[in-house]
Amino acid sequence: MNRGLQSFIGPILLAVLIFASDFIGSGFFQPGELNFAVWFVLSVFSFGLGWFIKGEQTWQDGSKSVFIITSSVAFISVVIVMMLPDYFSGGDSSVERLLMIALRNFMLGLTAVFGLILAEVFNFDKEIYALREKVNLFEETIKDAKKESDLIMQDARAKADLIIANAELSAKNTIMKRDRIEKEIKEFIQIEKELIKKYEEIN
């Protein structure tokens, strides 16, 4: 089903439910098990429709839809009851009866709003839980990255220490070679001087 059309199902059913409540007699709010059962069933359906509307619309659009539907149905109900009092209220079209019908309509509308609110709260809970999971995953990633960076730093230090040690050893070997060469050159020069001196003595 088209998503745009599906978003109208909840508001239409809510309007039908609120308007259908107008067919209940005037003793609806009076004490009694049957009256309570009827009111409870209507309230449950209204609550469920509010929850359903929240699933198809945003909170702003859903609350506007419920308010517009409740106000419109209440107005239409009052007008129809005034025009057809025998059919809807057994000939009773008094102000109290009209106010009772409007109040009943608004009570069902408020129940739908309550369903909207609870659906929004549960939605926030899901989002908060998802965000907490993301934060925990991010913290674990940071910990893993820190461990990995520590290992990289340790490996880099070890390699640097090895390079420094090799450089120092190479420098020591070079110095030793230089000293040995200098010593050999001095010895060679000394031998040359002695040979020259003996040569001069012979001549």
N, C-alpha and C. Protein backbone atom coordinates (compact mmCIF):
# COMPACT_ATOMS: atom_id res chain seq x y z
N MET A 1 0.85 -1.20 0.00
CA MET A 1 0.00 0.00 0.00
C MET A 1 0.88 1.24 0.00
N ASN A 2 0.40 2.28 -0.69
CA ASN A 2 1.15 3.52 -0.75
C ASN A 2 1.29 4.11 0.65
N ARG A 3 2.52 4.57 0.97
CA ARG A 3 2.79 5.10 2.30
C ARG A 3 1.95 6.33 2.59
N GLY A 4 1.70 7.18 1.56
CA GLY A 4 0.90 8.38 1.76
C GLY A 4 -0.55 8.07 2.09
N LEU A 5 -1.11 7.07 1.37
CA LEU A 5 -2.48 6.66 1.65
C LEU A 5 -2.60 5.96 2.99
N GLN A 6 -1.57 5.18 3.34
CA GLN A 6 -1.60 4.44 4.60
C GLN A 6 -1.63 5.37 5.80
N SER A 7 -1.04 6.57 5.65
CA SER A 7 -1.02 7.51 6.77
C SER A 7 -2.40 8.09 7.07
N PHE A 8 -3.37 7.92 6.14
CA PHE A 8 -4.71 8.44 6.36
C PHE A 8 -5.64 7.40 7.01
N ILE A 9 -5.20 6.13 7.06
CA ILE A 9 -6.06 5.08 7.60
C ILE A 9 -6.38 5.35 9.07
N GLY A 10 -5.34 5.62 9.88
CA GLY A 10 -5.54 5.87 11.31
C GLY A 10 -6.47 7.04 11.58
N PRO A 11 -6.23 8.22 10.99
CA PRO A 11 -7.15 9.34 11.23
C PRO A 11 -8.58 9.06 10.80
N ILE A 12 -8.77 8.36 9.66
CA ILE A 12 -10.14 8.05 9.20
C ILE A 12 -10.84 7.11 10.18
N LEU A 13 -10.13 6.07 10.63
CA LEU A 13 -10.72 5.14 11.60
C LEU A 13 -11.03 5.84 12.93
N LEU A 14 -10.16 6.75 13.33
CA LEU A 14 -10.40 7.50 14.57
C LEU A 14 -11.65 8.36 14.44
N ALA A 15 -11.80 9.01 13.28
CA ALA A 15 -12.99 9.83 13.05
C ALA A 15 -14.26 8.98 13.10
N VAL A 16 -14.20 7.79 12.47
CA VAL A 16 -15.36 6.89 12.49
C VAL A 16 -15.67 6.44 13.92
N LEU A 17 -14.62 6.12 14.69
CA LEU A 17 -14.82 5.67 16.06
C LEU A 17 -15.44 6.76 16.92
N ILE A 18 -14.93 7.98 16.81
CA ILE A 18 -15.47 9.08 17.61
C ILE A 18 -16.92 9.37 17.22
N PHE A 19 -17.18 9.35 15.91
CA PHE A 19 -18.56 9.62 15.46
C PHE A 19 -19.49 8.49 15.90
N ALA A 20 -18.99 7.23 15.89
CA ALA A 20 -19.82 6.10 16.29
C ALA A 20 -20.22 6.19 17.75
N SER A 21 -19.38 6.85 18.56
CA SER A 21 -19.72 6.98 19.98
C SER A 21 -20.95 7.85 20.19
N ASP A 22 -21.32 8.63 19.17
CA ASP A 22 -22.51 9.48 19.29
C ASP A 22 -23.80 8.66 19.34
N PHE A 23 -23.75 7.41 18.88
CA PHE A 23 -24.94 6.57 18.86
C PHE A 23 -25.22 5.93 20.22
N ILE A 24 -24.27 6.11 21.18
CA ILE A 24 -24.49 5.56 22.51
C ILE A 24 -25.45 6.46 23.27
N GLY A 25 -26.26 5.85 24.11
CA GLY A 25 -27.29 6.59 24.82
C GLY A 25 -26.73 7.60 25.81
N SER A 26 -27.63 8.37 26.40
CA SER A 26 -27.22 9.44 27.31
C SER A 26 -26.72 8.91 28.64
N GLY A 27 -27.00 7.67 28.95
CA GLY A 27 -26.54 7.10 30.22
C GLY A 27 -25.14 6.53 30.16
N PHE A 28 -24.42 6.93 29.15
CA PHE A 28 -23.09 6.36 28.91
C PHE A 28 -22.14 6.63 30.07
N PHE A 29 -22.20 7.80 30.65
CA PHE A 29 -21.29 8.17 31.74
C PHE A 29 -21.82 7.81 33.12
N GLN A 30 -22.96 7.21 33.16
CA GLN A 30 -23.52 6.83 34.46
C GLN A 30 -22.87 5.54 34.94
N PRO A 31 -22.83 5.32 36.27
CA PRO A 31 -22.21 4.10 36.79
C PRO A 31 -22.88 2.85 36.26
N GLY A 32 -22.10 1.82 36.03
CA GLY A 32 -22.64 0.55 35.55
C GLY A 32 -21.56 -0.23 34.83
N GLU A 33 -21.63 -1.56 34.97
CA GLU A 33 -20.60 -2.40 34.37
C GLU A 33 -20.61 -2.31 32.85
N LEU A 34 -21.82 -2.30 32.25
CA LEU A 34 -21.90 -2.25 30.79
C LEU A 34 -21.35 -0.94 30.25
N ASN A 35 -21.71 0.18 30.92
CA ASN A 35 -21.20 1.48 30.48
C ASN A 35 -19.68 1.54 30.57
N PHE A 36 -19.14 0.99 31.67
CA PHE A 36 -17.69 0.98 31.83
C PHE A 36 -17.02 0.13 30.75
N ALA A 37 -17.64 -1.03 30.44
CA ALA A 37 -17.06 -1.91 29.43
C ALA A 37 -17.05 -1.23 28.06
N VAL A 38 -18.16 -0.56 27.72
CA VAL A 38 -18.23 0.13 26.43
C VAL A 38 -17.19 1.26 26.38
N TRP A 39 -17.11 2.03 27.46
CA TRP A 39 -16.14 3.12 27.52
C TRP A 39 -14.70 2.60 27.43
N PHE A 40 -14.45 1.49 28.13
CA PHE A 40 -13.11 0.90 28.11
C PHE A 40 -12.73 0.43 26.70
N VAL A 41 -13.66 -0.23 26.02
CA VAL A 41 -13.39 -0.72 24.66
C VAL A 41 -13.13 0.45 23.72
N LEU A 42 -13.97 1.47 23.79
CA LEU A 42 -13.77 2.65 22.94
C LEU A 42 -12.43 3.33 23.23
N SER A 43 -12.09 3.41 24.52
CA SER A 43 -10.82 4.04 24.89
C SER A 43 -9.62 3.23 24.38
N VAL A 44 -9.71 1.90 24.49
CA VAL A 44 -8.62 1.05 24.00
C VAL A 44 -8.44 1.21 22.51
N PHE A 45 -9.55 1.20 21.77
CA PHE A 45 -9.44 1.39 20.32
C PHE A 45 -8.90 2.76 19.98
N SER A 46 -9.35 3.78 20.70
CA SER A 46 -8.86 5.14 20.46
C SER A 46 -7.36 5.24 20.77
N PHE A 47 -6.95 4.63 21.88
CA PHE A 47 -5.53 4.61 22.24
C PHE A 47 -4.72 3.90 21.15
N GLY A 48 -5.21 2.74 20.70
CA GLY A 48 -4.49 1.99 19.66
C GLY A 48 -4.39 2.76 18.36
N LEU A 49 -5.45 3.48 18.01
CA LEU A 49 -5.41 4.29 16.78
C LEU A 49 -4.41 5.44 16.92
N GLY A 50 -4.34 6.02 18.13
CA GLY A 50 -3.33 7.06 18.35
C GLY A 50 -1.92 6.51 18.19
N TRP A 51 -1.70 5.32 18.73
CA TRP A 51 -0.39 4.65 18.58
C TRP A 51 -0.11 4.36 17.11
N PHE A 52 -1.14 3.89 16.38
CA PHE A 52 -0.98 3.58 14.95
C PHE A 52 -0.67 4.85 14.16
N ILE A 53 -1.35 5.94 14.49
CA ILE A 53 -1.11 7.21 13.78
C ILE A 53 0.32 7.66 13.98
N LYS A 54 0.86 7.48 15.20
CA LYS A 54 2.25 7.88 15.46
C LYS A 54 3.22 7.04 14.61
N GLY A 55 2.85 5.77 14.35
CA GLY A 55 3.72 4.94 13.53
C GLY A 55 3.74 5.36 12.07
N GLU A 56 2.67 6.05 11.63
CA GLU A 56 2.58 6.45 10.23
C GLU A 56 2.93 7.91 10.01
N GLN A 57 2.88 8.73 11.05
CA GLN A 57 3.13 10.17 10.92
C GLN A 57 4.11 10.61 12.00
N THR A 58 4.63 11.81 11.82
CA THR A 58 5.48 12.39 12.86
C THR A 58 4.60 12.85 14.02
N TRP A 59 5.25 13.15 15.16
CA TRP A 59 4.50 13.61 16.33
C TRP A 59 3.71 14.87 16.03
N GLN A 60 4.32 15.83 15.32
CA GLN A 60 3.65 17.09 15.02
C GLN A 60 2.43 16.85 14.12
N ASP A 61 2.64 16.09 13.03
CA ASP A 61 1.53 15.84 12.10
C ASP A 61 0.44 14.99 12.77
N GLY A 62 0.85 13.99 13.55
CA GLY A 62 -0.13 13.13 14.20
C GLY A 62 -0.99 13.88 15.19
N SER A 63 -0.36 14.71 16.03
CA SER A 63 -1.13 15.47 17.02
C SER A 63 -2.07 16.47 16.34
N LYS A 64 -1.60 17.08 15.24
CA LYS A 64 -2.47 18.01 14.50
C LYS A 64 -3.66 17.25 13.91
N SER A 65 -3.38 16.06 13.36
CA SER A 65 -4.47 15.26 12.76
C SER A 65 -5.52 14.91 13.81
N VAL A 66 -5.07 14.45 14.98
CA VAL A 66 -6.01 14.05 16.04
C VAL A 66 -6.82 15.27 16.51
N PHE A 67 -6.17 16.41 16.68
CA PHE A 67 -6.88 17.61 17.14
C PHE A 67 -7.92 18.05 16.11
N ILE A 68 -7.52 18.07 14.83
CA ILE A 68 -8.45 18.50 13.78
C ILE A 68 -9.63 17.53 13.67
N ILE A 69 -9.33 16.22 13.72
CA ILE A 69 -10.39 15.22 13.62
C ILE A 69 -11.35 15.33 14.80
N THR A 70 -10.80 15.43 16.01
CA THR A 70 -11.66 15.50 17.20
C THR A 70 -12.54 16.75 17.16
N SER A 71 -11.94 17.87 16.83
CA SER A 71 -12.71 19.12 16.79
C SER A 71 -13.78 19.07 15.69
N SER A 72 -13.40 18.55 14.53
CA SER A 72 -14.35 18.49 13.41
C SER A 72 -15.50 17.55 13.72
N VAL A 73 -15.18 16.35 14.22
CA VAL A 73 -16.23 15.38 14.52
C VAL A 73 -17.13 15.89 15.63
N ALA A 74 -16.55 16.54 16.65
CA ALA A 74 -17.36 17.09 17.74
C ALA A 74 -18.33 18.15 17.20
N PHE A 75 -17.84 19.01 16.32
CA PHE A 75 -18.70 20.05 15.74
C PHE A 75 -19.80 19.43 14.89
N ILE A 76 -19.40 18.47 14.03
CA ILE A 76 -20.39 17.80 13.18
C ILE A 76 -21.41 17.04 14.01
N SER A 77 -20.93 16.40 15.07
CA SER A 77 -21.84 15.64 15.93
C SER A 77 -22.88 16.55 16.57
N VAL A 78 -22.43 17.69 17.09
CA VAL A 78 -23.35 18.62 17.72
C VAL A 78 -24.38 19.12 16.72
N VAL A 79 -23.93 19.43 15.52
CA VAL A 79 -24.86 19.91 14.48
C VAL A 79 -25.87 18.83 14.12
N ILE A 80 -25.40 17.58 13.92
CA ILE A 80 -26.31 16.50 13.54
C ILE A 80 -27.31 16.20 14.65
N VAL A 81 -26.82 16.18 15.91
CA VAL A 81 -27.74 15.92 17.02
C VAL A 81 -28.80 17.01 17.12
N MET A 82 -28.41 18.26 16.86
CA MET A 82 -29.39 19.36 16.88
C MET A 82 -30.39 19.21 15.75
N MET A 83 -29.94 18.69 14.59
CA MET A 83 -30.84 18.53 13.44
C MET A 83 -31.70 17.27 13.57
N LEU A 84 -31.12 16.20 14.13
CA LEU A 84 -31.85 14.93 14.25
C LEU A 84 -31.84 14.45 15.70
N PRO A 85 -32.48 15.17 16.59
CA PRO A 85 -32.44 14.79 18.02
C PRO A 85 -33.13 13.46 18.31
N ASP A 86 -34.18 13.13 17.55
CA ASP A 86 -34.90 11.88 17.80
C ASP A 86 -34.04 10.67 17.46
N TYR A 87 -33.22 10.80 16.44
CA TYR A 87 -32.44 9.65 15.97
C TYR A 87 -31.22 9.38 16.86
N PHE A 88 -30.56 10.47 17.33
CA PHE A 88 -29.31 10.33 18.08
C PHE A 88 -29.51 10.34 19.60
N SER A 89 -30.42 11.11 20.11
CA SER A 89 -30.50 11.29 21.56
C SER A 89 -31.89 11.10 22.12
N GLY A 90 -32.72 10.42 21.39
CA GLY A 90 -34.07 10.14 21.90
C GLY A 90 -34.87 11.40 22.15
N GLY A 91 -34.70 12.40 21.31
CA GLY A 91 -35.44 13.65 21.44
C GLY A 91 -34.80 14.64 22.39
N ASP A 92 -33.68 14.26 23.02
CA ASP A 92 -33.01 15.15 23.97
C ASP A 92 -31.93 15.93 23.24
N SER A 93 -32.17 17.20 22.99
CA SER A 93 -31.17 18.06 22.34
C SER A 93 -30.82 19.24 23.24
N SER A 94 -30.88 19.00 24.53
CA SER A 94 -30.56 20.06 25.48
C SER A 94 -29.07 20.38 25.43
N VAL A 95 -28.75 21.52 26.04
CA VAL A 95 -27.35 21.95 26.06
C VAL A 95 -26.49 20.93 26.78
N GLU A 96 -27.04 20.36 27.87
CA GLU A 96 -26.28 19.36 28.61
C GLU A 96 -25.96 18.14 27.73
N ARG A 97 -26.96 17.71 26.96
CA ARG A 97 -26.77 16.56 26.07
C ARG A 97 -25.72 16.88 25.00
N LEU A 98 -25.78 18.07 24.42
CA LEU A 98 -24.81 18.46 23.39
C LEU A 98 -23.40 18.55 23.98
N LEU A 99 -23.30 19.13 25.19
CA LEU A 99 -22.00 19.21 25.84
C LEU A 99 -21.47 17.82 26.18
N MET A 100 -22.37 16.92 26.57
CA MET A 100 -21.97 15.55 26.88
C MET A 100 -21.39 14.85 25.65
N ILE A 101 -22.03 15.05 24.51
CA ILE A 101 -21.55 14.44 23.26
C ILE A 101 -20.19 15.02 22.88
N ALA A 102 -20.06 16.36 22.97
CA ALA A 102 -18.78 16.99 22.63
C ALA A 102 -17.69 16.53 23.60
N LEU A 103 -18.05 16.44 24.89
CA LEU A 103 -17.07 15.99 25.89
C LEU A 103 -16.62 14.57 25.60
N ARG A 104 -17.56 13.70 25.24
CA ARG A 104 -17.23 12.32 24.92
C ARG A 104 -16.29 12.26 23.72
N ASN A 105 -16.58 13.05 22.72
CA ASN A 105 -15.70 13.08 21.54
C ASN A 105 -14.30 13.54 21.90
N PHE A 106 -14.23 14.60 22.73
CA PHE A 106 -12.90 15.11 23.10
C PHE A 106 -12.17 14.14 24.02
N MET A 107 -12.90 13.41 24.85
CA MET A 107 -12.25 12.42 25.71
C MET A 107 -11.60 11.31 24.87
N LEU A 108 -12.30 10.85 23.84
CA LEU A 108 -11.72 9.83 22.96
C LEU A 108 -10.54 10.41 22.17
N GLY A 109 -10.66 11.68 21.79
CA GLY A 109 -9.53 12.32 21.11
C GLY A 109 -8.31 12.43 22.02
N LEU A 110 -8.55 12.78 23.30
CA LEU A 110 -7.44 12.86 24.25
C LEU A 110 -6.82 11.48 24.50
N THR A 111 -7.65 10.44 24.48
CA THR A 111 -7.11 9.09 24.63
C THR A 111 -6.21 8.74 23.46
N ALA A 112 -6.60 9.17 22.24
CA ALA A 112 -5.75 8.96 21.07
C ALA A 112 -4.44 9.73 21.21
N VAL A 113 -4.54 10.96 21.75
CA VAL A 113 -3.31 11.75 21.98
C VAL A 113 -2.42 11.04 22.99
N PHE A 114 -3.02 10.42 24.00
CA PHE A 114 -2.24 9.66 24.98
C PHE A 114 -1.50 8.51 24.30
N GLY A 115 -2.18 7.84 23.36
CA GLY A 115 -1.51 6.80 22.58
C GLY A 115 -0.36 7.35 21.77
N LEU A 116 -0.57 8.53 21.18
CA LEU A 116 0.51 9.21 20.45
C LEU A 116 1.71 9.49 21.36
N ILE A 117 1.42 10.01 22.56
CA ILE A 117 2.48 10.38 23.48
C ILE A 117 3.29 9.15 23.90
N LEU A 118 2.58 8.07 24.26
CA LEU A 118 3.28 6.86 24.69
C LEU A 118 4.12 6.28 23.55
N ALA A 119 3.57 6.30 22.33
CA ALA A 119 4.33 5.80 21.18
C ALA A 119 5.59 6.64 20.97
N GLU A 120 5.46 7.95 21.17
CA GLU A 120 6.62 8.84 21.03
C GLU A 120 7.65 8.56 22.12
N VAL A 121 7.17 8.31 23.35
CA VAL A 121 8.08 8.00 24.45
C VAL A 121 8.84 6.71 24.17
N PHE A 122 8.12 5.67 23.72
CA PHE A 122 8.79 4.41 23.39
C PHE A 122 9.77 4.60 22.24
N ASN A 123 9.41 5.44 21.30
CA ASN A 123 10.32 5.73 20.18
C ASN A 123 11.58 6.41 20.68
N PHE A 124 11.42 7.36 21.63
CA PHE A 124 12.59 8.01 22.22
C PHE A 124 13.44 7.01 22.97
N ASP A 125 12.79 6.09 23.69
CA ASP A 125 13.55 5.07 24.42
C ASP A 125 14.38 4.22 23.47
N LYS A 126 13.79 3.85 22.34
CA LYS A 126 14.54 3.07 21.34
C LYS A 126 15.72 3.86 20.80
N GLU A 127 15.48 5.15 20.52
CA GLU A 127 16.56 5.98 20.00
C GLU A 127 17.66 6.14 21.04
N ILE A 128 17.26 6.35 22.31
CA ILE A 128 18.26 6.50 23.37
C ILE A 128 19.06 5.22 23.53
N TYR A 129 18.37 4.07 23.47
CA TYR A 129 19.07 2.79 23.58
C TYR A 129 20.05 2.61 22.42
N ALA A 130 19.59 2.97 21.21
CA ALA A 130 20.48 2.86 20.04
C ALA A 130 21.68 3.79 20.18
N LEU A 131 21.45 5.01 20.69
CA LEU A 131 22.55 5.95 20.89
C LEU A 131 23.53 5.45 21.95
N ARG A 132 22.98 4.83 23.01
CA ARG A 132 23.86 4.27 24.05
C ARG A 132 24.71 3.15 23.47
N GLU A 133 24.10 2.31 22.63
CA GLU A 133 24.86 1.24 22.00
C GLU A 133 25.97 1.80 21.11
N LYS A 134 25.63 2.88 20.37
CA LYS A 134 26.64 3.52 19.52
C LYS A 134 27.77 4.11 20.36
N VAL A 135 27.39 4.74 21.50
CA VAL A 135 28.41 5.32 22.38
C VAL A 135 29.31 4.23 22.95
N ASN A 136 28.69 3.10 23.38
CA ASN A 136 29.49 1.99 23.91
C ASN A 136 30.42 1.43 22.84
N LEU A 137 29.89 1.29 21.62
CA LEU A 137 30.71 0.80 20.52
C LEU A 137 31.85 1.77 20.22
N PHE A 138 31.52 3.08 20.28
CA PHE A 138 32.54 4.09 20.03
C PHE A 138 33.62 4.06 21.11
N GLU A 139 33.18 3.88 22.38
CA GLU A 139 34.16 3.80 23.47
C GLU A 139 35.04 2.56 23.31
N GLU A 140 34.43 1.43 22.92
CA GLU A 140 35.23 0.21 22.69
C GLU A 140 36.21 0.42 21.55
N THR A 141 35.75 1.11 20.51
CA THR A 141 36.63 1.40 19.37
C THR A 141 37.80 2.28 19.80
N ILE A 142 37.49 3.27 20.66
CA ILE A 142 38.55 4.16 21.15
C ILE A 142 39.56 3.37 21.98
N LYS A 143 39.02 2.45 22.84
CA LYS A 143 39.92 1.63 23.65
C LYS A 143 40.82 0.77 22.77
N ASP A 144 40.21 0.14 21.75
CA ASP A 144 40.99 -0.70 20.84
C ASP A 144 42.02 0.13 20.09
N ALA A 145 41.59 1.32 19.65
CA ALA A 145 42.52 2.19 18.93
C ALA A 145 43.66 2.63 19.84
N LYS A 146 43.34 2.92 21.12
CA LYS A 146 44.39 3.31 22.07
C LYS A 146 45.37 2.17 22.30
N LYS A 147 44.82 0.94 22.45
CA LYS A 147 45.70 -0.21 22.62
C LYS A 147 46.59 -0.40 21.40
N GLU A 148 45.97 -0.26 20.23
CA GLU A 148 46.74 -0.42 19.00
C GLU A 148 47.81 0.65 18.86
N SER A 149 47.44 1.89 19.23
CA SER A 149 48.43 2.97 19.15
C SER A 149 49.56 2.75 20.16
N ASP A 150 49.21 2.22 21.35
CA ASP A 150 50.26 1.92 22.33
C ASP A 150 51.21 0.85 21.81
N LEU A 151 50.65 -0.18 21.17
CA LEU A 151 51.50 -1.23 20.59
C LEU A 151 52.38 -0.66 19.48
N ILE A 152 51.80 0.21 18.67
CA ILE A 152 52.59 0.83 17.59
C ILE A 152 53.71 1.68 18.17
N MET A 153 53.39 2.44 19.24
CA MET A 153 54.41 3.28 19.87
C MET A 153 55.52 2.42 20.48
N GLN A 154 55.13 1.32 21.13
CA GLN A 154 56.14 0.43 21.70
C GLN A 154 57.02 -0.17 20.62
N ASP A 155 56.40 -0.58 19.51
CA ASP A 155 57.17 -1.14 18.39
C ASP A 155 58.09 -0.08 17.81
N ALA A 156 57.58 1.15 17.69
CA ALA A 156 58.40 2.23 17.14
C ALA A 156 59.57 2.55 18.07
N ARG A 157 59.31 2.55 19.38
CA ARG A 157 60.40 2.80 20.34
C ARG A 157 61.45 1.70 20.25
N ALA A 158 60.97 0.44 20.15
CA ALA A 158 61.93 -0.67 20.06
C ALA A 158 62.78 -0.55 18.79
N LYS A 159 62.14 -0.21 17.68
CA LYS A 159 62.88 -0.04 16.43
C LYS A 159 63.84 1.14 16.52
N ALA A 160 63.38 2.22 17.15
CA ALA A 160 64.24 3.39 17.30
C ALA A 160 65.44 3.06 18.17
N ASP A 161 65.19 2.32 19.29
CA ASP A 161 66.30 1.92 20.16
C ASP A 161 67.28 1.03 19.40
N LEU A 162 66.76 0.12 18.56
CA LEU A 162 67.64 -0.75 17.78
C LEU A 162 68.45 0.05 16.77
N ILE A 163 67.82 1.01 16.13
CA ILE A 163 68.54 1.86 15.16
C ILE A 163 69.63 2.66 15.86
N ILE A 164 69.27 3.22 17.05
CA ILE A 164 70.27 4.00 17.81
C ILE A 164 71.44 3.12 18.23
N ALA A 165 71.11 1.91 18.71
CA ALA A 165 72.17 0.99 19.13
C ALA A 165 73.07 0.62 17.95
N ASN A 166 72.45 0.34 16.79
CA ASN A 166 73.25 0.02 15.58
C ASN A 166 74.10 1.21 15.16
N ALA A 167 73.53 2.41 15.27
CA ALA A 167 74.28 3.60 14.89
C ALA A 167 75.46 3.82 15.83
N GLU A 168 75.22 3.62 17.14
CA GLU A 168 76.31 3.78 18.10
C GLU A 168 77.41 2.74 17.86
N LEU A 169 77.01 1.48 17.59
CA LEU A 169 77.99 0.43 17.31
C LEU A 169 78.77 0.73 16.05
N SER A 170 78.06 1.22 15.02
CA SER A 170 78.74 1.58 13.77
C SER A 170 79.71 2.73 13.99
N ALA A 171 79.27 3.71 14.82
CA ALA A 171 80.16 4.85 15.10
C ALA A 171 81.40 4.39 15.87
N LYS A 172 81.22 3.48 16.85
CA LYS A 172 82.36 2.96 17.61
C LYS A 172 83.32 2.21 16.69
N ASN A 173 82.75 1.38 15.80
CA ASN A 173 83.60 0.66 14.85
C ASN A 173 84.36 1.60 13.94
N THR A 174 83.69 2.64 13.51
CA THR A 174 84.36 3.63 12.64
C THR A 174 85.48 4.33 13.38
N ILE A 175 85.21 4.70 14.65
CA ILE A 175 86.25 5.36 15.44
C ILE A 175 87.43 4.43 15.66
N MET A 176 87.12 3.15 15.95
CA MET A 176 88.19 2.18 16.16
C MET A 176 89.01 1.99 14.88
N LYS A 177 88.35 1.92 13.73
CA LYS A 177 89.06 1.81 12.46
C LYS A 177 89.93 3.04 12.21
N ARG A 178 89.36 4.21 12.52
CA ARG A 178 90.15 5.45 12.32
C ARG A 178 91.38 5.45 13.20
N ASP A 179 91.18 5.08 14.49
CA ASP A 179 92.32 5.05 15.41
C ASP A 179 93.36 4.03 14.94
N ARG A 180 92.89 2.85 14.47
CA ARG A 180 93.85 1.85 14.00
C ARG A 180 94.61 2.33 12.77
N ILE A 181 93.88 2.98 11.86
CA ILE A 181 94.55 3.50 10.65
C ILE A 181 95.55 4.58 11.01
N GLU A 182 95.15 5.47 11.95
CA GLU A 182 96.08 6.52 12.38
C GLU A 182 97.32 5.91 13.02
N LYS A 183 97.10 4.87 13.82
CA LYS A 183 98.23 4.22 14.47
C LYS A 183 99.15 3.57 13.44
N GLU A 184 98.55 2.91 12.44
CA GLU A 184 99.35 2.27 11.40
C GLU A 184 100.11 3.31 10.58
N ILE A 185 99.45 4.44 10.32
CA ILE A 185 100.13 5.51 9.56
C ILE A 185 101.31 6.06 10.36
N LYS A 186 101.08 6.27 11.67
CA LYS A 186 102.18 6.76 12.50
C LYS A 186 103.33 5.75 12.52
N GLU A 187 102.99 4.48 12.65
CA GLU A 187 104.04 3.45 12.65
C GLU A 187 104.78 3.42 11.30
N PHE A 188 103.99 3.55 10.24
CA PHE A 188 104.60 3.57 8.91
C PHE A 188 105.53 4.77 8.75
N ILE A 189 105.06 5.93 9.24
CA ILE A 189 105.91 7.13 9.15
C ILE A 189 107.18 6.95 9.98
N GLN A 190 107.01 6.34 11.17
CA GLN A 190 108.18 6.10 12.02
C GLN A 190 109.17 5.17 11.34
N ILE A 191 108.69 4.13 10.71
CA ILE A 191 109.56 3.21 9.98
C ILE A 191 110.25 3.93 8.83
N GLU A 192 109.50 4.77 8.13
CA GLU A 192 110.08 5.52 7.01
C GLU A 192 111.20 6.43 7.51
N LYS A 193 110.97 7.08 8.64
CA LYS A 193 112.01 7.97 9.19
C LYS A 193 113.26 7.17 9.54
N GLU A 194 113.05 5.99 10.15
CA GLU A 194 114.21 5.17 10.51
C GLU A 194 114.96 4.68 9.28
N LEU A 195 114.22 4.33 8.26
CA LEU A 195 114.86 3.88 7.02
C LEU A 195 115.64 5.03 6.38
N ILE A 196 115.04 6.20 6.39
CA ILE A 196 115.73 7.36 5.80
C ILE A 196 116.99 7.69 6.60
N LYS A 197 116.88 7.59 7.92
CA LYS A 197 118.04 7.88 8.76
C LYS A 197 119.17 6.88 8.50
N LYS A 198 118.81 5.58 8.38
CA LYS A 198 119.84 4.56 8.09
C LYS A 198 120.43 4.77 6.71
N TYR A 199 119.61 5.16 5.78
CA TYR A 199 120.10 5.42 4.43
C TYR A 199 121.09 6.57 4.42
N GLU A 200 120.79 7.61 5.20
CA GLU A 200 121.70 8.74 5.26
C GLU A 200 122.99 8.37 5.95
N GLU A 201 122.92 7.50 6.94
CA GLU A 201 124.14 7.09 7.64
C GLU A 201 125.02 6.24 6.72
N ILE A 202 124.40 5.44 5.90
CA ILE A 202 125.18 4.62 4.98
C ILE A 202 125.86 5.49 3.94
N ASN A 203 125.23 6.46 3.43
CA ASN A 203 125.79 7.32 2.43
C ASN A 203 126.69 8.38 3.09
